[in-house]
């Protein structure tokens, strides 16, 4: 009787462990897409430096550790790197998101969504030049990618004080994506930038009369 009870307890423990493992693996394999602003959402969310960026959430450390464990065995796992980058990004830990995104893009260099997420994380991390370079890599893959063009305009305008560059990015966005979800906001921003550029163009005058 004691032996039978011990056997039942042992199998109960094994079954519980298998259930937990199955849930963990299932989440990694079938986990949802990144909910952050760069590539997944069609609604334009202006990337801004970390001090004024989106409100960060709490990071699921248990999930993050599970992903780190996967990457310890396979550092080039694109999905695990991407999901870890997403966790850091959504928690407002942008500089830490750069590493996993970089590894994911290095392994899958044709993934425009990961490239754009990486570029936006670089912007939030206070690296506008690197952000622009990465967003241009996204455009090399997909020249009319809407979220890349939108974010490039933001970084040009706010990070580099380059209204002309922002205008070029957003005009291309509007021409290639006439049904863009944030069309009205982009058009208003374009009007403001064009007015800004126009008023800053002062005509030269003679120095003698």
N, C-alpha and C. Protein backbone atom coordinates (compact mmCIF):
# COMPACT_ATOMS: atom_id res chain seq x y z
N UNK A 1 0.83 -1.21 0.00
CA UNK A 1 0.00 0.00 0.00
C UNK A 1 0.86 1.25 0.00
N UNK A 2 1.90 1.25 0.84
CA UNK A 2 2.80 2.41 0.90
C UNK A 2 3.52 2.59 -0.40
N UNK A 3 3.91 1.45 -1.02
CA UNK A 3 4.60 1.54 -2.29
C UNK A 3 3.70 2.11 -3.36
N UNK A 4 2.41 1.69 -3.36
CA UNK A 4 1.46 2.20 -4.34
C UNK A 4 1.24 3.69 -4.16
N UNK A 5 1.17 4.15 -2.88
CA UNK A 5 0.96 5.58 -2.62
C UNK A 5 2.16 6.38 -3.09
N UNK A 6 3.37 5.83 -2.84
CA UNK A 6 4.59 6.52 -3.28
C UNK A 6 4.63 6.62 -4.79
N UNK A 7 4.24 5.54 -5.47
CA UNK A 7 4.23 5.55 -6.94
C UNK A 7 3.26 6.58 -7.47
N UNK A 8 2.07 6.68 -6.84
CA UNK A 8 1.07 7.68 -7.28
C UNK A 8 1.60 9.08 -7.10
N UNK A 9 2.27 9.32 -5.98
CA UNK A 9 2.81 10.66 -5.72
C UNK A 9 3.88 11.02 -6.73
N UNK A 10 4.72 10.02 -7.05
CA UNK A 10 5.80 10.26 -8.03
C UNK A 10 5.24 10.63 -9.37
N UNK A 11 4.23 9.89 -9.82
CA UNK A 11 3.64 10.20 -11.12
C UNK A 11 2.92 11.55 -11.12
N UNK A 12 2.34 11.90 -9.99
CA UNK A 12 1.69 13.21 -9.90
C UNK A 12 2.71 14.32 -10.07
N UNK A 13 3.88 14.16 -9.45
CA UNK A 13 4.94 15.17 -9.58
C UNK A 13 5.45 15.24 -11.00
N UNK A 14 5.64 14.08 -11.64
CA UNK A 14 6.12 14.07 -13.03
C UNK A 14 5.10 14.73 -13.96
N UNK A 15 3.80 14.41 -13.74
CA UNK A 15 2.76 15.00 -14.59
C UNK A 15 2.73 16.51 -14.45
N UNK A 16 2.86 16.99 -13.21
CA UNK A 16 2.86 18.44 -12.98
C UNK A 16 4.03 19.10 -13.66
N UNK A 17 5.20 18.48 -13.57
CA UNK A 17 6.39 19.05 -14.21
C UNK A 17 6.23 19.10 -15.72
N UNK A 18 5.67 18.06 -16.30
CA UNK A 18 5.46 18.03 -17.74
C UNK A 18 4.48 19.11 -18.18
N UNK A 19 3.43 19.32 -17.38
CA UNK A 19 2.44 20.35 -17.71
C UNK A 19 3.09 21.72 -17.73
N UNK A 20 3.91 22.03 -16.72
CA UNK A 20 4.57 23.33 -16.66
C UNK A 20 5.51 23.51 -17.84
N UNK A 21 6.30 22.44 -18.14
CA UNK A 21 7.22 22.51 -19.27
C UNK A 21 6.47 22.70 -20.58
N UNK A 22 5.35 22.01 -20.73
CA UNK A 22 4.58 22.15 -21.96
C UNK A 22 4.05 23.54 -22.14
N UNK A 23 3.58 24.16 -21.06
CA UNK A 23 3.09 25.53 -21.15
C UNK A 23 4.20 26.48 -21.53
N UNK A 24 5.37 26.28 -20.94
CA UNK A 24 6.49 27.18 -21.23
C UNK A 24 6.92 27.07 -22.68
N UNK A 25 7.04 25.83 -23.18
CA UNK A 25 7.44 25.64 -24.56
C UNK A 25 6.37 26.17 -25.50
N UNK A 26 5.11 25.94 -25.15
CA UNK A 26 4.03 26.44 -26.00
C UNK A 26 4.04 27.93 -26.11
N UNK A 27 4.36 28.63 -25.01
CA UNK A 27 4.39 30.09 -25.09
C UNK A 27 5.50 30.56 -26.02
N UNK A 28 6.67 29.92 -25.91
CA UNK A 28 7.79 30.34 -26.74
C UNK A 28 7.50 30.09 -28.21
N UNK A 29 6.89 28.93 -28.50
CA UNK A 29 6.64 28.58 -29.89
C UNK A 29 5.49 29.39 -30.46
N UNK A 30 4.42 29.57 -29.66
CA UNK A 30 3.23 30.21 -30.19
C UNK A 30 2.99 31.59 -29.59
N UNK A 31 4.01 32.17 -28.97
CA UNK A 31 3.86 33.46 -28.32
C UNK A 31 3.37 34.52 -29.29
N UNK A 32 2.68 35.53 -28.73
CA UNK A 32 2.11 36.57 -29.56
C UNK A 32 3.15 37.48 -30.17
N UNK A 33 2.74 38.24 -31.16
CA UNK A 33 3.62 39.20 -31.81
C UNK A 33 3.88 40.36 -30.88
N UNK A 34 4.98 41.08 -31.18
CA UNK A 34 5.34 42.24 -30.38
C UNK A 34 4.25 43.29 -30.45
N UNK A 35 3.82 43.77 -29.30
CA UNK A 35 2.73 44.75 -29.27
C UNK A 35 3.23 46.16 -29.27
N UNK A 36 4.54 46.37 -29.34
CA UNK A 36 5.11 47.71 -29.32
C UNK A 36 4.86 48.45 -30.60
N UNK A 37 5.18 49.74 -30.66
CA UNK A 37 4.80 50.58 -31.79
C UNK A 37 5.53 50.38 -33.09
N UNK A 38 6.78 49.90 -33.16
CA UNK A 38 7.51 50.07 -34.40
C UNK A 38 6.90 49.39 -35.61
N UNK A 39 6.80 48.05 -35.59
CA UNK A 39 6.44 47.38 -36.82
C UNK A 39 5.11 46.67 -36.74
N UNK A 40 4.67 46.28 -35.55
CA UNK A 40 3.50 45.42 -35.46
C UNK A 40 2.21 46.20 -35.58
N UNK A 41 2.18 47.43 -35.08
CA UNK A 41 0.93 48.18 -35.05
C UNK A 41 0.84 49.13 -36.23
N UNK A 42 -0.30 49.15 -36.95
CA UNK A 42 -0.44 50.09 -38.06
C UNK A 42 -0.71 51.51 -37.58
N UNK A 43 -1.03 51.69 -36.32
CA UNK A 43 -1.30 53.03 -35.80
C UNK A 43 0.01 53.72 -35.50
N UNK A 44 0.27 54.91 -36.04
CA UNK A 44 1.56 55.55 -35.84
C UNK A 44 1.75 55.98 -34.40
N UNK A 45 2.85 55.57 -33.83
CA UNK A 45 3.23 55.99 -32.48
C UNK A 45 4.59 56.64 -32.60
N UNK A 46 4.68 57.92 -32.34
CA UNK A 46 5.92 58.63 -32.56
C UNK A 46 6.98 58.21 -31.57
N UNK A 47 8.09 57.65 -32.06
CA UNK A 47 9.16 57.32 -31.13
C UNK A 47 9.83 58.57 -30.62
N UNK A 48 10.09 58.62 -29.35
CA UNK A 48 10.74 59.77 -28.74
C UNK A 48 11.81 59.27 -27.79
N UNK A 49 12.75 60.12 -27.39
CA UNK A 49 13.77 59.64 -26.46
C UNK A 49 13.16 59.04 -25.21
N UNK A 50 13.94 58.19 -24.55
CA UNK A 50 13.41 57.38 -23.45
C UNK A 50 12.74 58.21 -22.37
N UNK A 51 13.22 59.41 -22.12
CA UNK A 51 12.66 60.23 -21.05
C UNK A 51 11.19 60.55 -21.29
N UNK A 52 10.79 60.63 -22.56
CA UNK A 52 9.40 60.95 -22.85
C UNK A 52 8.73 59.88 -23.67
N UNK A 53 9.26 58.68 -23.66
CA UNK A 53 8.75 57.61 -24.49
C UNK A 53 7.49 57.00 -23.93
N UNK A 54 7.05 55.88 -24.51
CA UNK A 54 5.83 55.24 -24.03
C UNK A 54 6.00 54.76 -22.60
N UNK A 55 4.91 54.72 -21.89
CA UNK A 55 4.97 54.29 -20.50
C UNK A 55 5.41 52.84 -20.43
N UNK A 56 6.54 52.55 -19.80
CA UNK A 56 7.00 51.17 -19.74
C UNK A 56 6.17 50.33 -18.80
N UNK A 57 6.08 49.06 -19.12
CA UNK A 57 5.39 48.13 -18.24
C UNK A 57 6.39 47.33 -17.43
N UNK A 58 5.87 46.50 -16.56
CA UNK A 58 6.73 45.63 -15.78
C UNK A 58 7.18 44.46 -16.65
N UNK A 59 8.41 44.05 -16.47
CA UNK A 59 8.95 42.96 -17.27
C UNK A 59 8.69 41.63 -16.58
N UNK A 60 8.26 40.66 -17.35
CA UNK A 60 8.03 39.31 -16.84
C UNK A 60 9.38 38.61 -16.76
N UNK A 61 9.99 38.65 -15.61
CA UNK A 61 11.33 38.11 -15.45
C UNK A 61 11.36 36.59 -15.64
N UNK A 62 10.27 35.93 -15.26
CA UNK A 62 10.23 34.47 -15.45
C UNK A 62 10.25 34.12 -16.93
N UNK A 63 9.47 34.85 -17.71
CA UNK A 63 9.46 34.62 -19.15
C UNK A 63 10.81 34.98 -19.76
N UNK A 64 11.38 36.10 -19.31
CA UNK A 64 12.68 36.53 -19.81
C UNK A 64 13.75 35.48 -19.53
N UNK A 65 13.72 34.91 -18.34
CA UNK A 65 14.72 33.89 -17.99
C UNK A 65 14.53 32.63 -18.83
N UNK A 66 13.29 32.27 -19.11
CA UNK A 66 13.04 31.12 -19.97
C UNK A 66 13.63 31.34 -21.35
N UNK A 67 13.50 32.57 -21.86
CA UNK A 67 14.07 32.89 -23.17
C UNK A 67 15.60 32.90 -23.11
N UNK A 68 16.15 33.42 -22.01
CA UNK A 68 17.61 33.41 -21.85
C UNK A 68 18.12 31.97 -21.82
N UNK A 69 17.38 31.08 -21.20
CA UNK A 69 17.79 29.68 -21.14
C UNK A 69 17.82 29.07 -22.54
N UNK A 70 16.83 29.41 -23.34
CA UNK A 70 16.81 28.93 -24.73
C UNK A 70 18.02 29.47 -25.48
N UNK A 71 18.32 30.75 -25.28
CA UNK A 71 19.44 31.38 -26.00
C UNK A 71 20.79 30.88 -25.50
N UNK A 72 20.84 30.42 -24.27
CA UNK A 72 22.09 29.84 -23.77
C UNK A 72 22.42 28.57 -24.55
N UNK A 73 21.38 27.86 -24.98
CA UNK A 73 21.58 26.64 -25.76
C UNK A 73 21.73 26.95 -27.25
N UNK A 74 21.01 27.97 -27.70
CA UNK A 74 21.05 28.34 -29.12
C UNK A 74 21.02 29.86 -29.24
N UNK A 75 22.18 30.51 -29.23
CA UNK A 75 22.24 31.99 -29.24
C UNK A 75 21.64 32.61 -30.49
N UNK A 76 21.48 31.84 -31.56
CA UNK A 76 20.98 32.37 -32.82
C UNK A 76 19.50 32.11 -33.05
N UNK A 77 18.78 31.75 -32.00
CA UNK A 77 17.34 31.51 -32.13
C UNK A 77 16.64 32.85 -32.38
N UNK A 78 16.17 33.05 -33.60
CA UNK A 78 15.58 34.33 -34.00
C UNK A 78 14.36 34.67 -33.17
N UNK A 79 13.48 33.69 -32.99
CA UNK A 79 12.23 33.97 -32.27
C UNK A 79 12.50 34.30 -30.80
N UNK A 80 13.41 33.56 -30.18
CA UNK A 80 13.72 33.82 -28.77
C UNK A 80 14.38 35.18 -28.60
N UNK A 81 15.30 35.53 -29.50
CA UNK A 81 15.94 36.85 -29.43
C UNK A 81 14.93 37.96 -29.65
N UNK A 82 14.04 37.76 -30.61
CA UNK A 82 13.03 38.78 -30.88
C UNK A 82 12.10 38.97 -29.69
N UNK A 83 11.64 37.87 -29.11
CA UNK A 83 10.72 37.96 -27.97
C UNK A 83 11.41 38.57 -26.75
N UNK A 84 12.70 38.26 -26.56
CA UNK A 84 13.42 38.87 -25.45
C UNK A 84 13.59 40.37 -25.69
N UNK A 85 13.90 40.74 -26.93
CA UNK A 85 13.97 42.16 -27.26
C UNK A 85 12.65 42.86 -27.02
N UNK A 86 11.54 42.19 -27.37
CA UNK A 86 10.22 42.76 -27.14
C UNK A 86 9.96 42.99 -25.65
N UNK A 87 10.37 42.03 -24.83
CA UNK A 87 10.17 42.17 -23.38
C UNK A 87 10.93 43.39 -22.84
N UNK A 88 12.18 43.51 -23.23
CA UNK A 88 12.97 44.66 -22.79
C UNK A 88 12.35 45.96 -23.31
N UNK A 89 11.97 45.95 -24.56
CA UNK A 89 11.40 47.16 -25.18
C UNK A 89 10.13 47.60 -24.45
N UNK A 90 9.23 46.66 -24.24
CA UNK A 90 7.95 47.00 -23.62
C UNK A 90 8.10 47.41 -22.16
N UNK A 91 9.23 47.02 -21.55
CA UNK A 91 9.51 47.43 -20.17
C UNK A 91 10.28 48.75 -20.12
N UNK A 92 10.51 49.35 -21.28
CA UNK A 92 11.23 50.61 -21.32
C UNK A 92 12.74 50.46 -21.19
N UNK A 93 13.24 49.25 -21.33
CA UNK A 93 14.68 48.99 -21.21
C UNK A 93 15.27 48.89 -22.61
N UNK A 94 15.25 50.03 -23.31
CA UNK A 94 15.55 50.07 -24.74
C UNK A 94 16.98 49.67 -25.06
N UNK A 95 17.94 50.15 -24.26
CA UNK A 95 19.34 49.81 -24.52
C UNK A 95 19.55 48.30 -24.43
N UNK A 96 18.84 47.65 -23.51
CA UNK A 96 18.96 46.20 -23.37
C UNK A 96 18.24 45.46 -24.49
N UNK A 97 17.23 46.09 -25.08
CA UNK A 97 16.53 45.46 -26.20
C UNK A 97 17.40 45.42 -27.45
N UNK A 98 18.35 46.34 -27.55
CA UNK A 98 19.18 46.43 -28.75
C UNK A 98 19.94 45.13 -29.00
N UNK A 99 20.51 44.53 -27.96
CA UNK A 99 21.30 43.32 -28.12
C UNK A 99 20.53 42.16 -28.73
N UNK A 100 19.40 41.75 -28.13
CA UNK A 100 18.63 40.65 -28.72
C UNK A 100 18.12 40.96 -30.12
N UNK A 101 17.66 42.19 -30.34
CA UNK A 101 17.21 42.55 -31.69
C UNK A 101 18.35 42.45 -32.70
N UNK A 102 19.54 42.91 -32.28
CA UNK A 102 20.69 42.85 -33.18
C UNK A 102 21.01 41.41 -33.56
N UNK A 103 20.97 40.51 -32.58
CA UNK A 103 21.26 39.10 -32.85
C UNK A 103 20.19 38.50 -33.76
N UNK A 104 18.94 38.86 -33.51
CA UNK A 104 17.85 38.34 -34.35
C UNK A 104 18.01 38.80 -35.79
N UNK A 105 18.35 40.07 -35.97
CA UNK A 105 18.49 40.61 -37.33
C UNK A 105 19.73 40.04 -38.01
N UNK A 106 20.80 39.82 -37.25
CA UNK A 106 22.01 39.24 -37.84
C UNK A 106 21.74 37.83 -38.35
N UNK A 107 20.88 37.10 -37.65
CA UNK A 107 20.54 35.73 -38.06
C UNK A 107 19.51 35.72 -39.18
N UNK A 108 18.62 36.72 -39.18
CA UNK A 108 17.56 36.80 -40.19
C UNK A 108 17.60 38.19 -40.82
N UNK A 109 18.60 38.46 -41.66
CA UNK A 109 18.83 39.82 -42.18
C UNK A 109 17.80 40.32 -43.18
N UNK A 110 16.79 39.53 -43.49
CA UNK A 110 15.73 39.98 -44.38
C UNK A 110 14.45 40.28 -43.62
N UNK A 111 14.52 40.26 -42.30
CA UNK A 111 13.34 40.49 -41.46
C UNK A 111 13.17 41.99 -41.22
N UNK A 112 12.31 42.61 -42.01
CA UNK A 112 12.16 44.06 -41.94
C UNK A 112 11.52 44.49 -40.62
N UNK A 113 10.65 43.66 -40.05
CA UNK A 113 10.00 44.02 -38.79
C UNK A 113 11.02 44.08 -37.66
N UNK A 114 11.88 43.08 -37.58
CA UNK A 114 12.92 43.09 -36.55
C UNK A 114 13.87 44.26 -36.76
N UNK A 115 14.22 44.52 -38.02
CA UNK A 115 15.12 45.64 -38.32
C UNK A 115 14.53 46.96 -37.86
N UNK A 116 13.24 47.15 -38.09
CA UNK A 116 12.61 48.40 -37.70
C UNK A 116 12.47 48.50 -36.18
N UNK A 117 12.17 47.39 -35.52
CA UNK A 117 12.13 47.40 -34.05
C UNK A 117 13.51 47.75 -33.49
N UNK A 118 14.56 47.21 -34.11
CA UNK A 118 15.92 47.52 -33.67
C UNK A 118 16.21 49.01 -33.86
N UNK A 119 15.85 49.55 -35.03
CA UNK A 119 16.07 50.97 -35.27
C UNK A 119 15.35 51.85 -34.27
N UNK A 120 14.13 51.48 -33.93
CA UNK A 120 13.36 52.28 -32.99
C UNK A 120 13.91 52.16 -31.57
N UNK A 121 14.36 50.97 -31.20
CA UNK A 121 15.00 50.80 -29.89
C UNK A 121 16.27 51.64 -29.79
N UNK A 122 17.03 51.72 -30.88
CA UNK A 122 18.23 52.55 -30.89
C UNK A 122 17.87 54.03 -30.70
N UNK A 123 16.77 54.45 -31.29
CA UNK A 123 16.32 55.83 -31.13
C UNK A 123 15.93 56.11 -29.68
N UNK A 124 15.13 55.23 -29.13
CA UNK A 124 14.73 55.40 -27.73
C UNK A 124 15.95 55.38 -26.80
N UNK A 125 16.98 54.64 -27.18
CA UNK A 125 18.18 54.54 -26.37
C UNK A 125 19.09 55.75 -26.53
N UNK A 126 18.67 56.74 -27.32
CA UNK A 126 19.45 57.95 -27.47
C UNK A 126 20.53 57.87 -28.52
N UNK A 127 20.33 57.03 -29.52
CA UNK A 127 21.33 56.84 -30.58
C UNK A 127 20.70 57.13 -31.95
N UNK A 128 20.41 58.40 -32.25
CA UNK A 128 19.69 58.73 -33.48
C UNK A 128 20.43 58.36 -34.75
N UNK A 129 21.75 58.54 -34.78
CA UNK A 129 22.49 58.20 -36.00
C UNK A 129 22.42 56.70 -36.29
N UNK A 130 22.59 55.89 -35.25
CA UNK A 130 22.48 54.44 -35.42
C UNK A 130 21.05 54.05 -35.80
N UNK A 131 20.09 54.76 -35.23
CA UNK A 131 18.69 54.47 -35.56
C UNK A 131 18.42 54.73 -37.04
N UNK A 132 18.90 55.85 -37.54
CA UNK A 132 18.70 56.18 -38.96
C UNK A 132 19.36 55.14 -39.84
N UNK A 133 20.58 54.74 -39.48
CA UNK A 133 21.28 53.73 -40.28
C UNK A 133 20.49 52.42 -40.33
N UNK A 134 19.92 52.02 -39.19
CA UNK A 134 19.17 50.77 -39.15
C UNK A 134 17.85 50.89 -39.90
N UNK A 135 17.17 52.01 -39.76
CA UNK A 135 15.92 52.21 -40.49
C UNK A 135 16.16 52.23 -42.00
N UNK A 136 17.32 52.75 -42.40
CA UNK A 136 17.66 52.71 -43.83
C UNK A 136 17.90 51.27 -44.29
N UNK A 137 18.41 50.43 -43.41
CA UNK A 137 18.54 49.01 -43.76
C UNK A 137 17.16 48.38 -43.97
N UNK A 138 16.20 48.80 -43.15
CA UNK A 138 14.83 48.32 -43.34
C UNK A 138 14.31 48.73 -44.71
N UNK A 139 14.56 49.97 -45.08
CA UNK A 139 14.06 50.45 -46.37
C UNK A 139 14.78 49.79 -47.55
N UNK A 140 16.02 49.36 -47.32
CA UNK A 140 16.70 48.61 -48.38
C UNK A 140 16.01 47.28 -48.62
N UNK A 141 15.40 46.74 -47.58
CA UNK A 141 14.65 45.49 -47.70
C UNK A 141 13.26 45.73 -48.27
N UNK A 142 12.62 46.78 -47.83
CA UNK A 142 11.24 47.09 -48.24
C UNK A 142 11.10 48.62 -48.32
N UNK A 143 11.34 49.19 -49.49
CA UNK A 143 11.44 50.65 -49.62
C UNK A 143 10.20 51.44 -49.19
N UNK A 144 9.04 50.82 -49.17
CA UNK A 144 7.83 51.55 -48.81
C UNK A 144 7.23 51.07 -47.49
N UNK A 145 8.03 50.39 -46.68
CA UNK A 145 7.52 49.88 -45.40
C UNK A 145 6.98 51.04 -44.57
N UNK A 146 5.69 51.06 -44.26
CA UNK A 146 5.07 52.26 -43.68
C UNK A 146 5.62 52.66 -42.32
N UNK A 147 5.77 51.70 -41.40
CA UNK A 147 6.21 52.09 -40.07
C UNK A 147 7.66 52.55 -40.07
N UNK A 148 8.46 51.99 -40.97
CA UNK A 148 9.85 52.44 -41.08
C UNK A 148 9.90 53.88 -41.57
N UNK A 149 9.14 54.20 -42.59
CA UNK A 149 9.12 55.57 -43.11
C UNK A 149 8.60 56.54 -42.07
N UNK A 150 7.57 56.12 -41.34
CA UNK A 150 7.03 57.00 -40.30
C UNK A 150 8.09 57.28 -39.23
N UNK A 151 8.72 56.21 -38.73
CA UNK A 151 9.70 56.38 -37.67
C UNK A 151 10.94 57.13 -38.15
N UNK A 152 11.32 56.91 -39.42
CA UNK A 152 12.46 57.64 -39.96
C UNK A 152 12.18 59.14 -39.96
N UNK A 153 10.96 59.52 -40.31
CA UNK A 153 10.60 60.93 -40.28
C UNK A 153 10.70 61.52 -38.89
N UNK A 154 10.28 60.75 -37.88
CA UNK A 154 10.36 61.20 -36.50
C UNK A 154 11.81 61.44 -36.09
N UNK A 155 12.67 60.45 -36.39
CA UNK A 155 14.07 60.58 -35.98
C UNK A 155 14.75 61.72 -36.72
N UNK A 156 14.44 61.88 -38.01
CA UNK A 156 15.02 63.00 -38.77
C UNK A 156 14.58 64.33 -38.17
N UNK A 157 13.30 64.42 -37.84
CA UNK A 157 12.77 65.69 -37.34
C UNK A 157 13.26 65.99 -35.93
N UNK A 158 13.11 65.03 -35.02
CA UNK A 158 13.37 65.29 -33.60
C UNK A 158 14.80 64.96 -33.18
N UNK A 159 15.41 63.97 -33.84
CA UNK A 159 16.75 63.57 -33.43
C UNK A 159 17.85 64.32 -34.14
N UNK A 160 17.59 64.70 -35.40
CA UNK A 160 18.62 65.36 -36.20
C UNK A 160 18.24 66.78 -36.60
N UNK A 161 17.07 67.25 -36.17
CA UNK A 161 16.60 68.58 -36.54
C UNK A 161 16.73 68.79 -38.06
N UNK A 162 16.25 67.78 -38.78
CA UNK A 162 16.34 67.77 -40.24
C UNK A 162 14.92 67.74 -40.81
N UNK A 163 14.25 68.89 -40.86
CA UNK A 163 12.87 68.88 -41.35
C UNK A 163 12.75 68.45 -42.80
N UNK A 164 13.75 68.78 -43.61
CA UNK A 164 13.70 68.39 -45.02
C UNK A 164 13.74 66.86 -45.14
N UNK A 165 14.61 66.23 -44.36
CA UNK A 165 14.67 64.77 -44.38
C UNK A 165 13.38 64.14 -43.90
N UNK A 166 12.77 64.74 -42.88
CA UNK A 166 11.49 64.23 -42.38
C UNK A 166 10.41 64.37 -43.43
N UNK A 167 10.39 65.51 -44.11
CA UNK A 167 9.40 65.73 -45.18
C UNK A 167 9.55 64.67 -46.26
N UNK A 168 10.78 64.39 -46.65
CA UNK A 168 11.01 63.39 -47.70
C UNK A 168 10.49 62.02 -47.27
N UNK A 169 10.76 61.64 -46.02
CA UNK A 169 10.30 60.33 -45.53
C UNK A 169 8.79 60.26 -45.51
N UNK A 170 8.15 61.31 -45.01
CA UNK A 170 6.70 61.27 -44.87
C UNK A 170 5.97 61.45 -46.19
N UNK A 171 6.54 62.20 -47.12
CA UNK A 171 5.92 62.29 -48.44
C UNK A 171 5.97 60.94 -49.15
N UNK A 172 7.08 60.24 -48.99
CA UNK A 172 7.19 58.89 -49.56
C UNK A 172 6.19 57.95 -48.89
N UNK A 173 6.03 58.09 -47.58
CA UNK A 173 5.05 57.29 -46.84
C UNK A 173 3.65 57.51 -47.39
N UNK A 174 3.27 58.75 -47.60
CA UNK A 174 1.93 59.06 -48.08
C UNK A 174 1.71 58.60 -49.52
N UNK A 175 2.75 58.74 -50.35
CA UNK A 175 2.62 58.34 -51.74
C UNK A 175 2.48 56.83 -51.87
N UNK A 176 3.23 56.10 -51.07
CA UNK A 176 3.25 54.63 -51.18
C UNK A 176 2.14 53.96 -50.38
N UNK A 177 1.64 54.66 -49.36
CA UNK A 177 0.63 54.06 -48.47
C UNK A 177 -0.52 55.04 -48.27
N UNK A 178 -1.32 55.28 -49.31
CA UNK A 178 -2.39 56.29 -49.21
C UNK A 178 -3.43 56.00 -48.15
N UNK A 179 -3.57 54.76 -47.74
CA UNK A 179 -4.55 54.39 -46.72
C UNK A 179 -3.91 54.20 -45.35
N UNK A 180 -2.75 54.77 -45.15
CA UNK A 180 -2.05 54.63 -43.87
C UNK A 180 -2.96 55.08 -42.73
N UNK A 181 -2.98 54.31 -41.66
CA UNK A 181 -3.92 54.56 -40.56
C UNK A 181 -3.73 55.94 -39.94
N UNK A 182 -2.50 56.43 -39.90
CA UNK A 182 -2.24 57.75 -39.30
C UNK A 182 -2.12 58.86 -40.32
N UNK A 183 -2.77 58.70 -41.45
CA UNK A 183 -2.62 59.63 -42.57
C UNK A 183 -2.86 61.09 -42.16
N UNK A 184 -3.95 61.35 -41.45
CA UNK A 184 -4.29 62.72 -41.09
C UNK A 184 -3.22 63.37 -40.22
N UNK A 185 -2.69 62.61 -39.27
CA UNK A 185 -1.64 63.14 -38.40
C UNK A 185 -0.37 63.43 -39.20
N UNK A 186 -0.04 62.54 -40.11
CA UNK A 186 1.17 62.74 -40.92
C UNK A 186 1.01 63.98 -41.81
N UNK A 187 -0.16 64.13 -42.41
CA UNK A 187 -0.38 65.29 -43.27
C UNK A 187 -0.29 66.60 -42.49
N UNK A 188 -0.82 66.61 -41.27
CA UNK A 188 -0.70 67.82 -40.44
C UNK A 188 0.75 68.11 -40.11
N UNK A 189 1.51 67.07 -39.80
CA UNK A 189 2.93 67.26 -39.49
C UNK A 189 3.69 67.75 -40.72
N UNK A 190 3.32 67.24 -41.87
CA UNK A 190 3.95 67.70 -43.10
C UNK A 190 3.70 69.19 -43.33
N UNK A 191 2.48 69.62 -43.12
CA UNK A 191 2.15 71.04 -43.29
C UNK A 191 2.99 71.90 -42.35
N UNK A 192 3.12 71.47 -41.11
CA UNK A 192 3.90 72.23 -40.13
C UNK A 192 5.37 72.30 -40.52
N UNK A 193 5.91 71.18 -40.97
CA UNK A 193 7.32 71.16 -41.35
C UNK A 193 7.57 72.01 -42.59
N UNK A 194 6.68 71.95 -43.56
CA UNK A 194 6.86 72.76 -44.76
C UNK A 194 6.78 74.25 -44.44
N UNK A 195 5.90 74.61 -43.52
CA UNK A 195 5.83 76.01 -43.10
C UNK A 195 7.10 76.42 -42.37
N UNK A 196 7.62 75.50 -41.56
CA UNK A 196 8.87 75.77 -40.83
C UNK A 196 10.03 75.99 -41.80
N UNK A 197 10.12 75.12 -42.80
CA UNK A 197 11.21 75.25 -43.78
C UNK A 197 11.07 76.54 -44.57
N UNK A 198 9.84 76.89 -44.93
CA UNK A 198 9.61 78.10 -45.72
C UNK A 198 10.01 79.35 -44.95
N UNK A 199 9.65 79.44 -43.67
CA UNK A 199 9.97 80.63 -42.88
C UNK A 199 11.44 80.73 -42.55
N UNK A 200 12.16 79.60 -42.61
CA UNK A 200 13.59 79.64 -42.28
C UNK A 200 14.45 80.01 -43.48
N UNK A 201 13.85 80.09 -44.64
CA UNK A 201 14.60 80.44 -45.85
C UNK A 201 14.60 81.96 -46.01
N UNK A 202 15.67 82.59 -45.52
CA UNK A 202 15.79 84.05 -45.59
C UNK A 202 16.64 84.40 -46.79
N UNK A 203 16.16 85.32 -47.62
CA UNK A 203 16.88 85.70 -48.82
C UNK A 203 18.10 86.54 -48.50
N UNK A 204 19.23 86.34 -49.18
CA UNK A 204 20.42 87.16 -48.94
C UNK A 204 20.20 88.61 -49.39
N UNK A 205 20.91 89.54 -48.78
CA UNK A 205 20.80 90.95 -49.14
C UNK A 205 22.20 91.51 -49.36
N UNK A 206 22.27 92.63 -50.05
CA UNK A 206 23.54 93.30 -50.30
C UNK A 206 24.09 93.89 -48.99
N UNK A 207 25.40 93.92 -48.89
CA UNK A 207 26.01 94.51 -47.69
C UNK A 207 26.31 95.98 -47.87
N UNK A 208 26.26 96.48 -49.11
CA UNK A 208 26.49 97.91 -49.34
C UNK A 208 25.34 98.46 -50.18
N UNK A 209 25.13 99.75 -50.02
CA UNK A 209 24.05 100.40 -50.77
C UNK A 209 24.57 101.65 -51.44
